[in-house]
């Protein structure tokens, strides 16, 4: 179901969702550093981590790697035009 959701979104929207989820995960981690016994926050952190993993996996299957750690057989960004080849502003 998450994969279908990702396919309906534009690349930019998916990246924005990845960034927002990553931010939430970092903030929850900082909160849990101070409140390690908060079970609700820990559960939310685990859900957020799972969502981030799913979003990034789906993004990388469609658009290629986000980081160097993602294994792939070729660099997909070489298939796209360079910024100066797109025309218009950067």
PDB file of N, CA and C in Angstrom:
ATOM      1  N   UNK A   1       0.815  -1.189   0.000  1.00  0.00           N
ATOM      2  CA  UNK A   1       0.000   0.000   0.000  1.00  0.00           C
ATOM      3  C   UNK A   1       0.864   1.260   0.000  1.00  0.00           C
ATOM      4  N   UNK A   2       1.936   1.260   0.774  1.00  0.00           N
ATOM      5  CA  UNK A   2       2.824   2.420   0.814  1.00  0.00           C
ATOM      6  C   UNK A   2       3.446   2.668  -0.557  1.00  0.00           C
ATOM      7  N   UNK A   3       3.767   1.590  -1.281  1.00  0.00           N
ATOM      8  CA  UNK A   3       4.374   1.743  -2.596  1.00  0.00           C
ATOM      9  C   UNK A   3       3.411   2.430  -3.560  1.00  0.00           C
ATOM     10  N   UNK A   4       2.130   2.067  -3.524  1.00  0.00           N
ATOM     11  CA  UNK A   4       1.129   2.718  -4.362  1.00  0.00           C
ATOM     12  C   UNK A   4       1.028   4.188  -4.000  1.00  0.00           C
ATOM     13  N   UNK A   5       1.077   4.478  -2.708  1.00  0.00           N
ATOM     14  CA  UNK A   5       1.020   5.856  -2.238  1.00  0.00           C
ATOM     15  C   UNK A   5       2.202   6.642  -2.794  1.00  0.00           C
ATOM     16  N   UNK A   6       3.376   6.037  -2.802  1.00  0.00           N
ATOM     17  CA  UNK A   6       4.577   6.703  -3.300  1.00  0.00           C
ATOM     18  C   UNK A   6       4.502   6.930  -4.804  1.00  0.00           C
ATOM     19  N   UNK A   7       3.922   5.999  -5.535  1.00  0.00           N
ATOM     20  CA  UNK A   7       3.830   6.139  -6.982  1.00  0.00           C
ATOM     21  C   UNK A   7       2.895   7.264  -7.393  1.00  0.00           C
ATOM     22  N   UNK A   8       1.939   7.625  -6.539  1.00  0.00           N
ATOM     23  CA  UNK A   8       0.994   8.684  -6.845  1.00  0.00           C
ATOM     24  C   UNK A   8       1.591  10.067  -6.574  1.00  0.00           C
ATOM     25  N   UNK A   9       2.656  10.147  -5.877  1.00  0.00           N
ATOM     26  CA  UNK A   9       3.266  11.415  -5.493  1.00  0.00           C
ATOM     27  C   UNK A   9       4.355  11.795  -6.485  1.00  0.00           C
ATOM     28  N   UNK A  10       4.600  13.081  -6.610  1.00  0.00           N
ATOM     29  CA  UNK A  10       5.690  13.529  -7.455  1.00  0.00           C
ATOM     30  C   UNK A  10       7.007  13.302  -6.716  1.00  0.00           C
ATOM     31  N   UNK A  11       8.078  13.377  -7.456  1.00  0.00           N
ATOM     32  CA  UNK A  11       9.402  13.185  -6.862  1.00  0.00           C
ATOM     33  C   UNK A  11       9.648  14.188  -5.736  1.00  0.00           C
ATOM     34  N   UNK A  12       9.307  15.443  -5.989  1.00  0.00           N
ATOM     35  CA  UNK A  12       9.509  16.479  -4.982  1.00  0.00           C
ATOM     36  C   UNK A  12       8.666  16.264  -3.738  1.00  0.00           C
ATOM     37  N   UNK A  13       7.417  15.860  -3.932  1.00  0.00           N
ATOM     38  CA  UNK A  13       6.548  15.591  -2.788  1.00  0.00           C
ATOM     39  C   UNK A  13       7.080  14.431  -1.959  1.00  0.00           C
ATOM     40  N   UNK A  14       7.574  13.417  -2.628  1.00  0.00           N
ATOM     41  CA  UNK A  14       8.124  12.262  -1.921  1.00  0.00           C
ATOM     42  C   UNK A  14       9.375  12.659  -1.145  1.00  0.00           C
ATOM     43  N   UNK A  15      10.231  13.476  -1.758  1.00  0.00           N
ATOM     44  CA  UNK A  15      11.424  13.950  -1.044  1.00  0.00           C
ATOM     45  C   UNK A  15      11.038  14.803   0.165  1.00  0.00           C
ATOM     46  N   UNK A  16      10.020  15.645   0.008  1.00  0.00           N
ATOM     47  CA  UNK A  16       9.566  16.459   1.139  1.00  0.00           C
ATOM     48  C   UNK A  16       9.065  15.579   2.279  1.00  0.00           C
ATOM     49  N   UNK A  17       8.340  14.523   1.936  1.00  0.00           N
ATOM     50  CA  UNK A  17       7.835  13.606   2.971  1.00  0.00           C
ATOM     51  C   UNK A  17       8.995  12.872   3.649  1.00  0.00           C
ATOM     52  N   UNK A  18      10.014  12.498   2.893  1.00  0.00           N
ATOM     53  CA  UNK A  18      11.198  11.844   3.468  1.00  0.00           C
ATOM     54  C   UNK A  18      11.895  12.797   4.432  1.00  0.00           C
ATOM     55  N   UNK A  19      12.057  14.036   4.019  1.00  0.00           N
ATOM     56  CA  UNK A  19      12.721  15.031   4.876  1.00  0.00           C
ATOM     57  C   UNK A  19      11.934  15.275   6.162  1.00  0.00           C
ATOM     58  N   UNK A  20      10.611  15.415   6.034  1.00  0.00           N
ATOM     59  CA  UNK A  20       9.777  15.665   7.209  1.00  0.00           C
ATOM     60  C   UNK A  20       9.803  14.480   8.172  1.00  0.00           C
ATOM     61  N   UNK A  21       9.747  13.282   7.624  1.00  0.00           N
ATOM     62  CA  UNK A  21       9.768  12.080   8.464  1.00  0.00           C
ATOM     63  C   UNK A  21      11.124  11.935   9.142  1.00  0.00           C
ATOM     64  N   UNK A  22      12.190  12.233   8.418  1.00  0.00           N
ATOM     65  CA  UNK A  22      13.531  12.176   8.994  1.00  0.00           C
ATOM     66  C   UNK A  22      13.670  13.196  10.128  1.00  0.00           C
ATOM     67  N   UNK A  23      13.141  14.403   9.916  1.00  0.00           N
ATOM     68  CA  UNK A  23      13.171  15.429  10.954  1.00  0.00           C
ATOM     69  C   UNK A  23      12.430  14.953  12.202  1.00  0.00           C
ATOM     70  N   UNK A  24      11.243  14.378  11.989  1.00  0.00           N
ATOM     71  CA  UNK A  24      10.445  13.871  13.116  1.00  0.00           C
ATOM     72  C   UNK A  24      11.200  12.791  13.886  1.00  0.00           C
ATOM     73  N   UNK A  25      11.856  11.919  13.161  1.00  0.00           N
ATOM     74  CA  UNK A  25      12.611  10.836  13.789  1.00  0.00           C
ATOM     75  C   UNK A  25      13.762  11.383  14.632  1.00  0.00           C
ATOM     76  N   UNK A  26      14.460  12.370  14.114  1.00  0.00           N
ATOM     77  CA  UNK A  26      15.568  12.988  14.861  1.00  0.00           C
ATOM     78  C   UNK A  26      15.039  13.667  16.124  1.00  0.00           C
ATOM     79  N   UNK A  27      13.943  14.420  15.993  1.00  0.00           N
ATOM     80  CA  UNK A  27      13.367  15.106  17.150  1.00  0.00           C
ATOM     81  C   UNK A  27      12.880  14.118  18.209  1.00  0.00           C
ATOM     82  N   UNK A  28      12.246  13.038  17.763  1.00  0.00           N
ATOM     83  CA  UNK A  28      11.809  12.011  18.721  1.00  0.00           C
ATOM     84  C   UNK A  28      13.002  11.379  19.425  1.00  0.00           C
ATOM     85  N   UNK A  29      14.082  11.159  18.688  1.00  0.00           N
ATOM     86  CA  UNK A  29      15.296  10.613  19.302  1.00  0.00           C
ATOM     87  C   UNK A  29      15.855  11.535  20.369  1.00  0.00           C
ATOM     88  N   UNK A  30      15.850  12.837  20.082  1.00  0.00           N
ATOM     89  CA  UNK A  30      16.328  13.807  21.078  1.00  0.00           C
ATOM     90  C   UNK A  30      15.420  13.822  22.299  1.00  0.00           C
ATOM     91  N   UNK A  31      14.116  13.768  22.068  1.00  0.00           N
ATOM     92  CA  UNK A  31      13.165  13.717  23.182  1.00  0.00           C
ATOM     93  C   UNK A  31      13.394  12.477  24.030  1.00  0.00           C
ATOM     94  N   UNK A  32      13.616  11.344  23.370  1.00  0.00           N
ATOM     95  CA  UNK A  32      13.817  10.089  24.102  1.00  0.00           C
ATOM     96  C   UNK A  32      15.143  10.058  24.857  1.00  0.00           C
ATOM     97  N   UNK A  33      16.108  10.878  24.428  1.00  0.00           N
ATOM     98  CA  UNK A  33      17.349  10.989  25.202  1.00  0.00           C
ATOM     99  C   UNK A  33      17.063  11.515  26.606  1.00  0.00           C
ATOM    100  N   UNK A  34      16.084  12.412  26.705  1.00  0.00           N
ATOM    101  CA  UNK A  34      15.740  13.029  27.982  1.00  0.00           C
ATOM    102  C   UNK A  34      14.641  12.248  28.702  1.00  0.00           C
ATOM    103  N   UNK A  35      13.775  11.585  27.937  1.00  0.00           N
ATOM    104  CA  UNK A  35      12.625  10.865  28.495  1.00  0.00           C
ATOM    105  C   UNK A  35      12.633   9.407  28.024  1.00  0.00           C
ATOM    106  N   UNK A  36      13.605   8.626  28.445  1.00  0.00           N
ATOM    107  CA  UNK A  36      13.753   7.270  27.922  1.00  0.00           C
ATOM    108  C   UNK A  36      12.632   6.306  28.311  1.00  0.00           C
ATOM    109  N   UNK A  37      11.829   6.657  29.296  1.00  0.00           N
ATOM    110  CA  UNK A  37      10.759   5.756  29.742  1.00  0.00           C
ATOM    111  C   UNK A  37       9.405   6.069  29.104  1.00  0.00           C
ATOM    112  N   UNK A  38       9.369   7.020  28.186  1.00  0.00           N
ATOM    113  CA  UNK A  38       8.112   7.400  27.533  1.00  0.00           C
ATOM    114  C   UNK A  38       7.781   6.374  26.446  1.00  0.00           C
ATOM    115  N   UNK A  39       6.926   5.429  26.783  1.00  0.00           N
ATOM    116  CA  UNK A  39       6.602   4.324  25.874  1.00  0.00           C
ATOM    117  C   UNK A  39       5.837   4.792  24.642  1.00  0.00           C
ATOM    118  N   UNK A  40       5.007   5.805  24.799  1.00  0.00           N
ATOM    119  CA  UNK A  40       4.256   6.344  23.659  1.00  0.00           C
ATOM    120  C   UNK A  40       5.213   6.974  22.635  1.00  0.00           C
ATOM    121  N   UNK A  41       6.185   7.718  23.118  1.00  0.00           N
ATOM    122  CA  UNK A  41       7.165   8.344  22.233  1.00  0.00           C
ATOM    123  C   UNK A  41       8.045   7.285  21.567  1.00  0.00           C
ATOM    124  N   UNK A  42       8.389   6.243  22.312  1.00  0.00           N
ATOM    125  CA  UNK A  42       9.199   5.162  21.748  1.00  0.00           C
ATOM    126  C   UNK A  42       8.442   4.445  20.639  1.00  0.00           C
ATOM    127  N   UNK A  43       7.154   4.201  20.860  1.00  0.00           N
ATOM    128  CA  UNK A  43       6.315   3.566  19.844  1.00  0.00           C
ATOM    129  C   UNK A  43       6.214   4.456  18.605  1.00  0.00           C
ATOM    130  N   UNK A  44       6.027   5.742  18.814  1.00  0.00           N
ATOM    131  CA  UNK A  44       5.956   6.697  17.704  1.00  0.00           C
ATOM    132  C   UNK A  44       7.284   6.758  16.951  1.00  0.00           C
ATOM    133  N   UNK A  45       8.381   6.693  17.690  1.00  0.00           N
ATOM    134  CA  UNK A  45       9.711   6.689  17.075  1.00  0.00           C
ATOM    135  C   UNK A  45       9.898   5.460  16.191  1.00  0.00           C
ATOM    136  N   UNK A  46       9.472   4.309  16.678  1.00  0.00           N
ATOM    137  CA  UNK A  46       9.584   3.079  15.884  1.00  0.00           C
ATOM    138  C   UNK A  46       8.725   3.139  14.625  1.00  0.00           C
ATOM    139  N   UNK A  47       7.512   3.686  14.752  1.00  0.00           N
ATOM    140  CA  UNK A  47       6.640   3.846  13.589  1.00  0.00           C
ATOM    141  C   UNK A  47       7.255   4.799  12.572  1.00  0.00           C
ATOM    142  N   UNK A  48       7.838   5.869  13.070  1.00  0.00           N
ATOM    143  CA  UNK A  48       8.470   6.875  12.218  1.00  0.00           C
ATOM    144  C   UNK A  48       9.673   6.268  11.483  1.00  0.00           C
ATOM    145  N   UNK A  49      10.459   5.466  12.179  1.00  0.00           N
ATOM    146  CA  UNK A  49      11.625   4.820  11.572  1.00  0.00           C
ATOM    147  C   UNK A  49      11.185   3.848  10.472  1.00  0.00           C
ATOM    148  N   UNK A  50      10.118   3.108  10.732  1.00  0.00           N
ATOM    149  CA  UNK A  50       9.600   2.175   9.734  1.00  0.00           C
ATOM    150  C   UNK A  50       9.082   2.929   8.507  1.00  0.00           C
ATOM    151  N   UNK A  51       8.356   4.019   8.743  1.00  0.00           N
ATOM    152  CA  UNK A  51       7.837   4.828   7.640  1.00  0.00           C
ATOM    153  C   UNK A  51       8.982   5.412   6.812  1.00  0.00           C
ATOM    154  N   UNK A  52      10.012   5.917   7.479  1.00  0.00           N
ATOM    155  CA  UNK A  52      11.155   6.484   6.772  1.00  0.00           C
ATOM    156  C   UNK A  52      11.852   5.430   5.927  1.00  0.00           C
ATOM    157  N   UNK A  53      12.020   4.258   6.474  1.00  0.00           N
ATOM    158  CA  UNK A  53      12.660   3.164   5.741  1.00  0.00           C
ATOM    159  C   UNK A  53      11.845   2.802   4.492  1.00  0.00           C
ATOM    160  N   UNK A  54      10.535   2.731   4.645  1.00  0.00           N
ATOM    161  CA  UNK A  54       9.662   2.404   3.521  1.00  0.00           C
ATOM    162  C   UNK A  54       9.696   3.503   2.462  1.00  0.00           C
ATOM    163  N   UNK A  55       9.594   4.753   2.906  1.00  0.00           N
ATOM    164  CA  UNK A  55       9.627   5.871   1.960  1.00  0.00           C
ATOM    165  C   UNK A  55      10.940   5.910   1.180  1.00  0.00           C
ATOM    166  N   UNK A  56      12.056   5.781   1.894  1.00  0.00           N
ATOM    167  CA  UNK A  56      13.344   5.847   1.200  1.00  0.00           C
ATOM    168  C   UNK A  56      13.550   4.646   0.287  1.00  0.00           C
ATOM    169  N   UNK A  57      13.138   3.463   0.714  1.00  0.00           N
ATOM    170  CA  UNK A  57      13.256   2.289  -0.152  1.00  0.00           C
ATOM    171  C   UNK A  57      12.458   2.478  -1.432  1.00  0.00           C
ATOM    172  N   UNK A  58      11.221   2.948  -1.296  1.00  0.00           N
ATOM    173  CA  UNK A  58      10.383   3.159  -2.476  1.00  0.00           C
ATOM    174  C   UNK A  58      10.930   4.258  -3.368  1.00  0.00           C
ATOM    175  N   UNK A  59      11.413   5.348  -2.769  1.00  0.00           N
ATOM    176  CA  UNK A  59      12.003   6.428  -3.559  1.00  0.00           C
ATOM    177  C   UNK A  59      13.196   5.908  -4.366  1.00  0.00           C
ATOM    178  N   UNK A  60      14.054   5.161  -3.696  1.00  0.00           N
ATOM    179  CA  UNK A  60      15.275   4.685  -4.338  1.00  0.00           C
ATOM    180  C   UNK A  60      14.988   3.654  -5.428  1.00  0.00           C
ATOM    181  N   UNK A  61      13.911   2.901  -5.293  1.00  0.00           N
ATOM    182  CA  UNK A  61      13.526   1.968  -6.353  1.00  0.00           C
ATOM    183  C   UNK A  61      13.080   2.709  -7.605  1.00  0.00           C
ATOM    184  N   UNK A  62      12.426   3.855  -7.402  1.00  0.00           N
ATOM    185  CA  UNK A  62      11.897   4.616  -8.530  1.00  0.00           C
ATOM    186  C   UNK A  62      12.943   5.562  -9.115  1.00  0.00           C
ATOM    187  N   UNK A  63      13.630   6.323  -8.261  1.00  0.00           N
ATOM    188  CA  UNK A  63      14.483   7.418  -8.718  1.00  0.00           C
ATOM    189  C   UNK A  63      15.982   7.192  -8.554  1.00  0.00           C
ATOM    190  N   UNK A  64      16.375   6.146  -7.875  1.00  0.00           N
ATOM    191  CA  UNK A  64      17.795   5.895  -7.662  1.00  0.00           C
ATOM    192  C   UNK A  64      18.216   6.277  -6.252  1.00  0.00           C
ATOM    193  N   UNK A  65      19.500   6.122  -5.968  1.00  0.00           N
ATOM    194  CA  UNK A  65      19.992   6.267  -4.596  1.00  0.00           C
ATOM    195  C   UNK A  65      19.890   7.691  -4.054  1.00  0.00           C
ATOM    196  N   UNK A  66      19.573   7.773  -2.771  1.00  0.00           N
ATOM    197  CA  UNK A  66      19.604   9.040  -2.049  1.00  0.00           C
ATOM    198  C   UNK A  66      20.981   9.269  -1.433  1.00  0.00           C
ATOM    199  N   UNK A  67      21.629   8.184  -1.065  1.00  0.00           N
ATOM    200  CA  UNK A  67      22.952   8.258  -0.462  1.00  0.00           C
ATOM    201  C   UNK A  67      23.854   7.205  -1.101  1.00  0.00           C
ATOM    202  N   UNK A  68      25.118   7.283  -0.836  1.00  0.00           N
ATOM    203  CA  UNK A  68      26.087   6.345  -1.394  1.00  0.00           C
ATOM    204  C   UNK A  68      25.912   4.946  -0.807  1.00  0.00           C
ATOM    205  N   UNK A  69      25.250   4.850   0.368  1.00  0.00           N
ATOM    206  CA  UNK A  69      25.078   3.555   1.007  1.00  0.00           C
ATOM    207  C   UNK A  69      24.062   2.660   0.305  1.00  0.00           C
ATOM    208  N   UNK A  70      23.206   3.235  -0.531  1.00  0.00           N
ATOM    209  CA  UNK A  70      22.183   2.426  -1.195  1.00  0.00           C
ATOM    210  C   UNK A  70      22.814   1.657  -2.345  1.00  0.00           C
ATOM    211  N   UNK A  71      22.763   0.338  -2.317  1.00  0.00           N
ATOM    212  CA  UNK A  71      23.383  -0.438  -3.389  1.00  0.00           C
ATOM    213  C   UNK A  71      22.590  -0.337  -4.693  1.00  0.00           C
ATOM    214  N   UNK A  72      23.291  -0.145  -5.780  1.00  0.00           N
ATOM    215  CA  UNK A  72      22.637  -0.101  -7.081  1.00  0.00           C
ATOM    216  C   UNK A  72      23.636  -0.549  -8.149  1.00  0.00           C
ATOM    217  N   UNK A  73      23.123  -0.869  -9.301  1.00  0.00           N
ATOM    218  CA  UNK A  73      23.976  -1.350 -10.381  1.00  0.00           C
ATOM    219  C   UNK A  73      24.510  -0.235 -11.259  1.00  0.00           C
ATOM    220  N   UNK A  74      23.862   0.928 -11.219  1.00  0.00           N
ATOM    221  CA  UNK A  74      24.366   2.063 -11.987  1.00  0.00           C
ATOM    222  C   UNK A  74      23.852   3.350 -11.372  1.00  0.00           C
ATOM    223  N   UNK A  75      24.476   4.427 -11.751  1.00  0.00           N
ATOM    224  CA  UNK A  75      24.124   5.737 -11.225  1.00  0.00           C
ATOM    225  C   UNK A  75      23.035   6.337 -12.103  1.00  0.00           C
ATOM    226  N   UNK A  76      21.808   6.349 -11.603  1.00  0.00           N
ATOM    227  CA  UNK A  76      20.662   6.820 -12.389  1.00  0.00           C
ATOM    228  C   UNK A  76      20.734   8.296 -12.752  1.00  0.00           C
ATOM    229  N   UNK A  77      21.392   9.097 -11.930  1.00  0.00           N
ATOM    230  CA  UNK A  77      21.403  10.526 -12.237  1.00  0.00           C
ATOM    231  C   UNK A  77      22.172  10.820 -13.520  1.00  0.00           C
ATOM    232  N   UNK A  78      22.953   9.868 -13.987  1.00  0.00           N
ATOM    233  CA  UNK A  78      23.637  10.066 -15.269  1.00  0.00           C
ATOM    234  C   UNK A  78      22.659  10.022 -16.437  1.00  0.00           C
ATOM    235  N   UNK A  79      21.482   9.425 -16.234  1.00  0.00           N
ATOM    236  CA  UNK A  79      20.474   9.335 -17.280  1.00  0.00           C
ATOM    237  C   UNK A  79      19.678  10.629 -17.421  1.00  0.00           C
ATOM    238  N   UNK A  80      19.673  11.456 -16.404  1.00  0.00           N
ATOM    239  CA  UNK A  80      18.907  12.694 -16.417  1.00  0.00           C
ATOM    240  C   UNK A  80      19.766  13.836 -16.958  1.00  0.00           C
ATOM    241  N   UNK A  81      19.115  14.878 -17.479  1.00  0.00           N
ATOM    242  CA  UNK A  81      19.895  16.017 -17.965  1.00  0.00           C
ATOM    243  C   UNK A  81      20.574  16.757 -16.813  1.00  0.00           C
ATOM    244  N   UNK A  82      21.742  17.314 -17.084  1.00  0.00           N
ATOM    245  CA  UNK A  82      22.443  18.112 -16.095  1.00  0.00           C
ATOM    246  C   UNK A  82      21.677  19.417 -15.929  1.00  0.00           C
ATOM    247  N   UNK A  83      21.854  20.120 -14.813  1.00  0.00           N
ATOM    248  CA  UNK A  83      21.084  21.361 -14.582  1.00  0.00           C
ATOM    249  C   UNK A  83      21.182  22.349 -15.743  1.00  0.00           C
ATOM    250  N   UNK A  84      22.344  22.499 -16.345  1.00  0.00           N
ATOM    251  CA  UNK A  84      22.513  23.454 -17.435  1.00  0.00           C
ATOM    252  C   UNK A  84      21.897  22.957 -18.752  1.00  0.00           C
ATOM    253  N   UNK A  85      21.535  21.675 -18.800  1.00  0.00           N
ATOM    254  CA  UNK A  85      20.906  21.126 -19.988  1.00  0.00           C
ATOM    255  C   UNK A  85      19.384  21.219 -19.931  1.00  0.00           C
ATOM    256  N   UNK A  86      18.833  21.489 -18.766  1.00  0.00           N
ATOM    257  CA  UNK A  86      17.385  21.554 -18.592  1.00  0.00           C
ATOM    258  C   UNK A  86      16.791  22.825 -19.160  1.00  0.00           C
ATOM    259  N   UNK A  87      17.576  23.857 -19.247  1.00  0.00           N
ATOM    260  CA  UNK A  87      17.049  25.147 -19.670  1.00  0.00           C
ATOM    261  C   UNK A  87      16.417  25.869 -18.498  1.00  0.00           C
ATOM    262  N   UNK A  88      16.253  27.146 -18.630  1.00  0.00           N
ATOM    263  CA  UNK A  88      15.640  27.906 -17.540  1.00  0.00           C
ATOM    264  C   UNK A  88      16.618  28.123 -16.410  1.00  0.00           C
ATOM    265  N   UNK A  89      16.065  28.440 -15.254  1.00  0.00           N
ATOM    266  CA  UNK A  89      16.906  28.719 -14.082  1.00  0.00           C
ATOM    267  C   UNK A  89      17.235  27.440 -13.343  1.00  0.00           C
ATOM    268  N   UNK A  90      18.244  27.516 -12.505  1.00  0.00           N
ATOM    269  CA  UNK A  90      18.681  26.349 -11.740  1.00  0.00           C
ATOM    270  C   UNK A  90      17.833  26.195 -10.561  1.00  0.00           C
TER     271      UNK A  90
END
